[in-house]
Amino acid sequence: MVLQKLVALCLFAAIFSAAADVPVLDTNGDRIVSGAQYYIKPAIVGRGGALTLVARKNGKPCPKYVGQVEHPDQKGTPVKFMLAPVTNEGWLAHITFQTSDSCSKLTMWGLGDRENVSGRRLITSGSELLVEVLFKIVKSNGLYHILWCTSEDHNPQCGSAGILSEDGVSLLALDGPELPFVFEKVK
């Protein structure tokens, strides 16, 4: 199992190695550091609030999914990027919410189930992870985008993350329109 993860990590690193020395900067212009806490917010005003843990409106409180706070002025839930000492474009990282969750002790982001209408895959957090996902931050047209990569069924798949509205809840989803983000360091 450990060898499979190492092989998958090496494969992902090769896929995303093009911009490995370009640092990802927070809203203060400082490099994002592995282990420090950050809020992830939409880079475009009016595109919703910061990221946090949310429940879908399917009658089940668990598992929790990565989604947006209801009001744009709310801070959201801090995250940590874990893998490389400094987060650069091209480095893959695990993203973990820095909070306790009533559904699970684990708050690492991973691949969850599909949304019924669009078929887009949702990002979940906790022990309900269907597939582990590594994330990458890339800059395009001056804005940062969150990319994901997984080796589900030993078949590397990569793509971008954006927001999907489901029954009035904004969820982070894969395989569709992407949304740029900024990273605000927690003080």
C-alpha atoms as a PDB file:
ATOM      1  CA  MET A   1       0.000   0.000   0.000  1.00  0.00           C
ATOM      2  CA  VAL A   2       2.795   2.421   0.925  1.00  0.00           C
ATOM      3  CA  LEU A   3       4.680   1.517  -2.260  1.00  0.00           C
ATOM      4  CA  GLN A   4       1.528   2.151  -4.338  1.00  0.00           C
ATOM      5  CA  LYS A   5       1.115   5.590  -2.771  1.00  0.00           C
ATOM      6  CA  LEU A   6       4.789   6.390  -3.391  1.00  0.00           C
ATOM      7  CA  VAL A   7       4.523   5.332  -7.032  1.00  0.00           C
ATOM      8  CA  ALA A   8       1.330   7.369  -7.454  1.00  0.00           C
ATOM      9  CA  LEU A   9       2.975  10.405  -5.812  1.00  0.00           C
ATOM     10  CA  CYS A  10       5.976  10.145  -8.163  1.00  0.00           C
ATOM     11  CA  LEU A  11       3.628   9.891 -11.136  1.00  0.00           C
ATOM     12  CA  PHE A  12       1.679  12.966 -10.023  1.00  0.00           C
ATOM     13  CA  ALA A  13       4.921  14.876  -9.417  1.00  0.00           C
ATOM     14  CA  ALA A  14       6.018  14.112 -12.974  1.00  0.00           C
ATOM     15  CA  ILE A  15       2.657  15.261 -14.335  1.00  0.00           C
ATOM     16  CA  PHE A  16       2.814  18.565 -12.474  1.00  0.00           C
ATOM     17  CA  SER A  17       6.558  19.324 -12.535  1.00  0.00           C
ATOM     18  CA  ALA A  18       6.502  22.156 -15.098  1.00  0.00           C
ATOM     19  CA  ALA A  19       6.266  25.082 -12.645  1.00  0.00           C
ATOM     20  CA  ALA A  20       7.815  23.520  -9.541  1.00  0.00           C
ATOM     21  CA  ASP A  21       9.890  26.560  -8.512  1.00  0.00           C
ATOM     22  CA  VAL A  22       7.136  29.188  -8.674  1.00  0.00           C
ATOM     23  CA  PRO A  23       5.878  29.922  -5.143  1.00  0.00           C
ATOM     24  CA  VAL A  24       2.193  30.221  -4.369  1.00  0.00           C
ATOM     25  CA  LEU A  25       1.555  33.512  -2.578  1.00  0.00           C
ATOM     26  CA  ASP A  26      -1.069  34.417   0.004  1.00  0.00           C
ATOM     27  CA  THR A  27      -3.080  37.639  -0.007  1.00  0.00           C
ATOM     28  CA  ASN A  28      -0.175  39.455   1.738  1.00  0.00           C
ATOM     29  CA  GLY A  29       2.259  38.437  -1.020  1.00  0.00           C
ATOM     30  CA  ASP A  30       4.041  35.915   1.234  1.00  0.00           C
ATOM     31  CA  ARG A  31       4.818  32.333   0.229  1.00  0.00           C
ATOM     32  CA  ILE A  32       2.321  29.720   1.392  1.00  0.00           C
ATOM     33  CA  VAL A  33       4.077  27.470   3.884  1.00  0.00           C
ATOM     34  CA  SER A  34       3.215  23.832   4.551  1.00  0.00           C
ATOM     35  CA  GLY A  35       1.652  23.507   7.996  1.00  0.00           C
ATOM     36  CA  ALA A  36       0.515  27.141   8.333  1.00  0.00           C
ATOM     37  CA  GLN A  37      -3.219  27.857   8.374  1.00  0.00           C
ATOM     38  CA  TYR A  38      -5.063  29.646   5.553  1.00  0.00           C
ATOM     39  CA  TYR A  39      -8.600  30.560   4.565  1.00  0.00           C
ATOM     40  CA  ILE A  40      -9.427  29.710   0.955  1.00  0.00           C
ATOM     41  CA  LYS A  41     -11.679  32.354  -0.619  1.00  0.00           C
ATOM     42  CA  PRO A  42     -12.961  32.992  -4.145  1.00  0.00           C
ATOM     43  CA  ALA A  43     -10.654  35.393  -5.996  1.00  0.00           C
ATOM     44  CA  ILE A  44     -13.640  37.002  -7.707  1.00  0.00           C
ATOM     45  CA  VAL A  45     -15.972  39.160  -5.603  1.00  0.00           C
ATOM     46  CA  GLY A  46     -19.562  37.957  -5.740  1.00  0.00           C
ATOM     47  CA  ARG A  47     -18.687  34.285  -6.310  1.00  0.00           C
ATOM     48  CA  GLY A  48     -19.621  33.158  -2.806  1.00  0.00           C
ATOM     49  CA  GLY A  49     -17.868  32.784   0.501  1.00  0.00           C
ATOM     50  CA  ALA A  50     -14.783  31.050   1.836  1.00  0.00           C
ATOM     51  CA  LEU A  51     -14.468  27.266   1.917  1.00  0.00           C
ATOM     52  CA  THR A  52     -15.687  25.278   4.916  1.00  0.00           C
ATOM     53  CA  LEU A  53     -17.295  21.961   5.847  1.00  0.00           C
ATOM     54  CA  VAL A  54     -20.956  21.697   4.805  1.00  0.00           C
ATOM     55  CA  ALA A  55     -23.655  19.049   4.814  1.00  0.00           C
ATOM     56  CA  ARG A  56     -25.669  18.293   1.707  1.00  0.00           C
ATOM     57  CA  LYS A  57     -29.434  18.792   1.923  1.00  0.00           C
ATOM     58  CA  ASN A  58     -30.172  15.096   1.459  1.00  0.00           C
ATOM     59  CA  GLY A  59     -31.367  14.544   5.018  1.00  0.00           C
ATOM     60  CA  LYS A  60     -28.027  13.114   6.164  1.00  0.00           C
ATOM     61  CA  PRO A  61     -25.753  15.248   8.365  1.00  0.00           C
ATOM     62  CA  CYS A  62     -22.712  13.134   7.471  1.00  0.00           C
ATOM     63  CA  PRO A  63     -20.375  12.992   5.696  1.00  0.00           C
ATOM     64  CA  LYS A  64     -19.313  16.606   5.458  1.00  0.00           C
ATOM     65  CA  TYR A  65     -18.336  18.066   2.100  1.00  0.00           C
ATOM     66  CA  VAL A  66     -16.072  20.935   1.111  1.00  0.00           C
ATOM     67  CA  GLY A  67     -18.322  23.871   0.282  1.00  0.00           C
ATOM     68  CA  GLN A  68     -18.760  27.587   0.783  1.00  0.00           C
ATOM     69  CA  VAL A  69     -19.987  29.516   3.810  1.00  0.00           C
ATOM     70  CA  GLU A  70     -23.403  31.096   3.246  1.00  0.00           C
ATOM     71  CA  HIS A  71     -22.276  34.719   3.638  1.00  0.00           C
ATOM     72  CA  PRO A  72     -19.218  36.104   1.806  1.00  0.00           C
ATOM     73  CA  ASP A  73     -18.108  38.054   4.894  1.00  0.00           C
ATOM     74  CA  GLN A  74     -17.680  34.849   6.954  1.00  0.00           C
ATOM     75  CA  LYS A  75     -14.109  33.579   7.284  1.00  0.00           C
ATOM     76  CA  GLY A  76     -14.729  29.898   6.541  1.00  0.00           C
ATOM     77  CA  THR A  77     -12.664  27.099   8.059  1.00  0.00           C
ATOM     78  CA  PRO A  78      -8.855  27.284   8.047  1.00  0.00           C
ATOM     79  CA  VAL A  79      -6.902  24.660   6.093  1.00  0.00           C
ATOM     80  CA  LYS A  80      -3.328  23.395   6.112  1.00  0.00           C
ATOM     81  CA  PHE A  81      -1.439  22.282   3.027  1.00  0.00           C
ATOM     82  CA  MET A  82       0.698  19.266   3.890  1.00  0.00           C
ATOM     83  CA  LEU A  83       3.478  17.711   1.825  1.00  0.00           C
ATOM     84  CA  ALA A  84       6.254  20.029   0.717  1.00  0.00           C
ATOM     85  CA  PRO A  85       7.947  22.411   3.220  1.00  0.00           C
ATOM     86  CA  VAL A  86       6.886  25.351   1.030  1.00  0.00           C
ATOM     87  CA  THR A  87       3.927  25.182  -1.330  1.00  0.00           C
ATOM     88  CA  ASN A  88       5.007  25.872  -4.905  1.00  0.00           C
ATOM     89  CA  GLU A  89       3.141  25.522  -8.129  1.00  0.00           C
ATOM     90  CA  GLY A  90       3.858  22.004  -9.262  1.00  0.00           C
ATOM     91  CA  TRP A  91       3.956  20.514  -5.766  1.00  0.00           C
ATOM     92  CA  LEU A  92       1.139  18.224  -4.762  1.00  0.00           C
ATOM     93  CA  ALA A  93      -0.357  18.555  -1.318  1.00  0.00           C
ATOM     94  CA  HIS A  94      -2.976  17.142   0.946  1.00  0.00           C
ATOM     95  CA  ILE A  95      -5.426  19.762   2.166  1.00  0.00           C
ATOM     96  CA  THR A  96      -6.828  19.360   5.674  1.00  0.00           C
ATOM     97  CA  PHE A  97      -9.405  21.483   7.491  1.00  0.00           C
ATOM     98  CA  GLN A  98      -8.208  22.647  10.904  1.00  0.00           C
ATOM     99  CA  THR A  99     -11.327  21.914  12.909  1.00  0.00           C
ATOM    100  CA  SER A 100     -13.054  19.083  14.663  1.00  0.00           C
ATOM    101  CA  ASP A 101     -15.906  17.479  12.757  1.00  0.00           C
ATOM    102  CA  SER A 102     -18.886  15.775  14.392  1.00  0.00           C
ATOM    103  CA  CYS A 103     -18.837  13.186  11.596  1.00  0.00           C
ATOM    104  CA  SER A 104     -15.203  12.127  11.671  1.00  0.00           C
ATOM    105  CA  LYS A 105     -11.858  12.763  13.324  1.00  0.00           C
ATOM    106  CA  LEU A 106     -10.276  13.100   9.881  1.00  0.00           C
ATOM    107  CA  THR A 107     -10.676  16.337   7.951  1.00  0.00           C
ATOM    108  CA  MET A 108      -8.389  15.663   4.976  1.00  0.00           C
ATOM    109  CA  TRP A 109      -9.956  16.445   1.598  1.00  0.00           C
ATOM    110  CA  GLY A 110     -10.665  13.522  -0.681  1.00  0.00           C
ATOM    111  CA  LEU A 111     -12.831  12.358  -3.530  1.00  0.00           C
ATOM    112  CA  GLY A 112     -16.454  11.727  -2.542  1.00  0.00           C
ATOM    113  CA  ASP A 113     -19.499  10.615  -4.487  1.00  0.00           C
ATOM    114  CA  ARG A 114     -21.039  12.169  -7.588  1.00  0.00           C
ATOM    115  CA  GLU A 115     -23.746  14.794  -7.629  1.00  0.00           C
ATOM    116  CA  ASN A 116     -26.851  13.201  -9.150  1.00  0.00           C
ATOM    117  CA  VAL A 117     -27.782  15.726 -11.848  1.00  0.00           C
ATOM    118  CA  SER A 118     -24.415  16.851 -13.231  1.00  0.00           C
ATOM    119  CA  GLY A 119     -22.396  13.751 -12.416  1.00  0.00           C
ATOM    120  CA  ARG A 120     -19.599  15.981 -11.090  1.00  0.00           C
ATOM    121  CA  ARG A 121     -17.512  14.490  -8.313  1.00  0.00           C
ATOM    122  CA  LEU A 122     -17.623  16.186  -4.933  1.00  0.00           C
ATOM    123  CA  ILE A 123     -14.808  16.787  -2.467  1.00  0.00           C
ATOM    124  CA  THR A 124     -15.550  15.344   0.943  1.00  0.00           C
ATOM    125  CA  SER A 125     -13.691  15.329   4.222  1.00  0.00           C
ATOM    126  CA  GLY A 126     -13.220  12.604   6.788  1.00  0.00           C
ATOM    127  CA  SER A 127     -13.486   8.856   6.998  1.00  0.00           C
ATOM    128  CA  GLU A 128     -16.041   8.725   4.147  1.00  0.00           C
ATOM    129  CA  LEU A 129     -13.325   9.339   1.551  1.00  0.00           C
ATOM    130  CA  LEU A 130     -13.864   7.122  -1.453  1.00  0.00           C
ATOM    131  CA  VAL A 131     -10.506   7.979  -3.008  1.00  0.00           C
ATOM    132  CA  GLU A 132      -7.530   9.955  -1.708  1.00  0.00           C
ATOM    133  CA  VAL A 133      -6.793  13.067  -3.754  1.00  0.00           C
ATOM    134  CA  LEU A 134      -3.717  15.246  -3.996  1.00  0.00           C
ATOM    135  CA  PHE A 135      -4.183  18.908  -4.855  1.00  0.00           C
ATOM    136  CA  LYS A 136      -2.063  21.407  -6.734  1.00  0.00           C
ATOM    137  CA  ILE A 137      -2.315  25.176  -6.977  1.00  0.00           C
ATOM    138  CA  VAL A 138      -1.555  26.777 -10.340  1.00  0.00           C
ATOM    139  CA  LYS A 139      -1.637  30.364 -11.494  1.00  0.00           C
ATOM    140  CA  SER A 140      -3.410  31.224 -14.725  1.00  0.00           C
ATOM    141  CA  ASN A 141      -4.050  34.777 -15.947  1.00  0.00           C
ATOM    142  CA  GLY A 142      -2.900  36.102 -12.569  1.00  0.00           C
ATOM    143  CA  LEU A 143      -5.355  33.960 -10.554  1.00  0.00           C
ATOM    144  CA  TYR A 144      -4.816  30.753  -8.569  1.00  0.00           C
ATOM    145  CA  HIS A 145      -6.787  27.623  -9.391  1.00  0.00           C
ATOM    146  CA  ILE A 146      -7.008  24.419  -7.375  1.00  0.00           C
ATOM    147  CA  LEU A 147      -6.275  21.334  -9.440  1.00  0.00           C
ATOM    148  CA  TRP A 148      -6.684  17.778  -8.261  1.00  0.00           C
ATOM    149  CA  CYS A 149      -5.107  14.500  -9.220  1.00  0.00           C
ATOM    150  CA  THR A 150      -5.918  10.945  -8.180  1.00  0.00           C
ATOM    151  CA  SER A 151      -4.924   7.488  -9.280  1.00  0.00           C
ATOM    152  CA  GLU A 152      -8.375   5.967  -8.888  1.00  0.00           C
ATOM    153  CA  ASP A 153      -8.236   2.380 -10.200  1.00  0.00           C
ATOM    154  CA  HIS A 154      -4.492   2.946 -10.917  1.00  0.00           C
ATOM    155  CA  ASN A 155      -5.510   5.298 -13.738  1.00  0.00           C
ATOM    156  CA  PRO A 156      -4.193   8.850 -13.130  1.00  0.00           C
ATOM    157  CA  GLN A 157      -6.923  11.458 -13.517  1.00  0.00           C
ATOM    158  CA  CYS A 158      -6.450  15.182 -13.105  1.00  0.00           C
ATOM    159  CA  GLY A 159      -8.632  18.244 -13.478  1.00  0.00           C
ATOM    160  CA  SER A 160      -9.789  21.510 -11.929  1.00  0.00           C
ATOM    161  CA  ALA A 161     -12.079  22.372  -9.033  1.00  0.00           C
ATOM    162  CA  GLY A 162     -14.994  24.782  -8.989  1.00  0.00           C
ATOM    163  CA  ILE A 163     -18.310  25.360  -7.267  1.00  0.00           C
ATOM    164  CA  LEU A 164     -21.538  23.455  -7.875  1.00  0.00           C
ATOM    165  CA  SER A 165     -24.859  24.575  -6.378  1.00  0.00           C
ATOM    166  CA  GLU A 166     -27.055  21.724  -5.129  1.00  0.00           C
ATOM    167  CA  ASP A 167     -30.333  22.567  -3.394  1.00  0.00           C
ATOM    168  CA  GLY A 168     -28.972  25.959  -2.331  1.00  0.00           C
ATOM    169  CA  VAL A 169     -25.700  24.546  -0.957  1.00  0.00           C
ATOM    170  CA  SER A 170     -22.460  25.522  -2.706  1.00  0.00           C
ATOM    171  CA  LEU A 171     -20.134  22.509  -2.961  1.00  0.00           C
ATOM    172  CA  LEU A 172     -16.575  22.181  -4.245  1.00  0.00           C
ATOM    173  CA  ALA A 173     -16.827  19.930  -7.287  1.00  0.00           C
ATOM    174  CA  LEU A 174     -14.523  18.517  -9.925  1.00  0.00           C
ATOM    175  CA  ASP A 175     -14.876  18.035 -13.671  1.00  0.00           C
ATOM    176  CA  GLY A 176     -16.590  21.313 -14.494  1.00  0.00           C
ATOM    177  CA  PRO A 177     -16.093  25.072 -14.586  1.00  0.00           C
ATOM    178  CA  GLU A 178     -13.205  26.094 -12.361  1.00  0.00           C
ATOM    179  CA  LEU A 179     -13.178  28.924  -9.849  1.00  0.00           C
ATOM    180  CA  PRO A 180     -10.048  30.907  -8.938  1.00  0.00           C
ATOM    181  CA  PHE A 181      -9.164  31.270  -5.260  1.00  0.00           C
ATOM    182  CA  VAL A 182      -6.976  33.348  -2.929  1.00  0.00           C
ATOM    183  CA  PHE A 183      -5.304  32.179   0.264  1.00  0.00           C
ATOM    184  CA  GLU A 184      -5.499  34.379   3.363  1.00  0.00           C
ATOM    185  CA  LYS A 185      -3.154  33.457   6.202  1.00  0.00           C
ATOM    186  CA  VAL A 186      -4.848  33.018   9.581  1.00  0.00           C
ATOM    187  CA  LYS A 187      -3.544  35.578  12.061  1.00  0.00           C
END
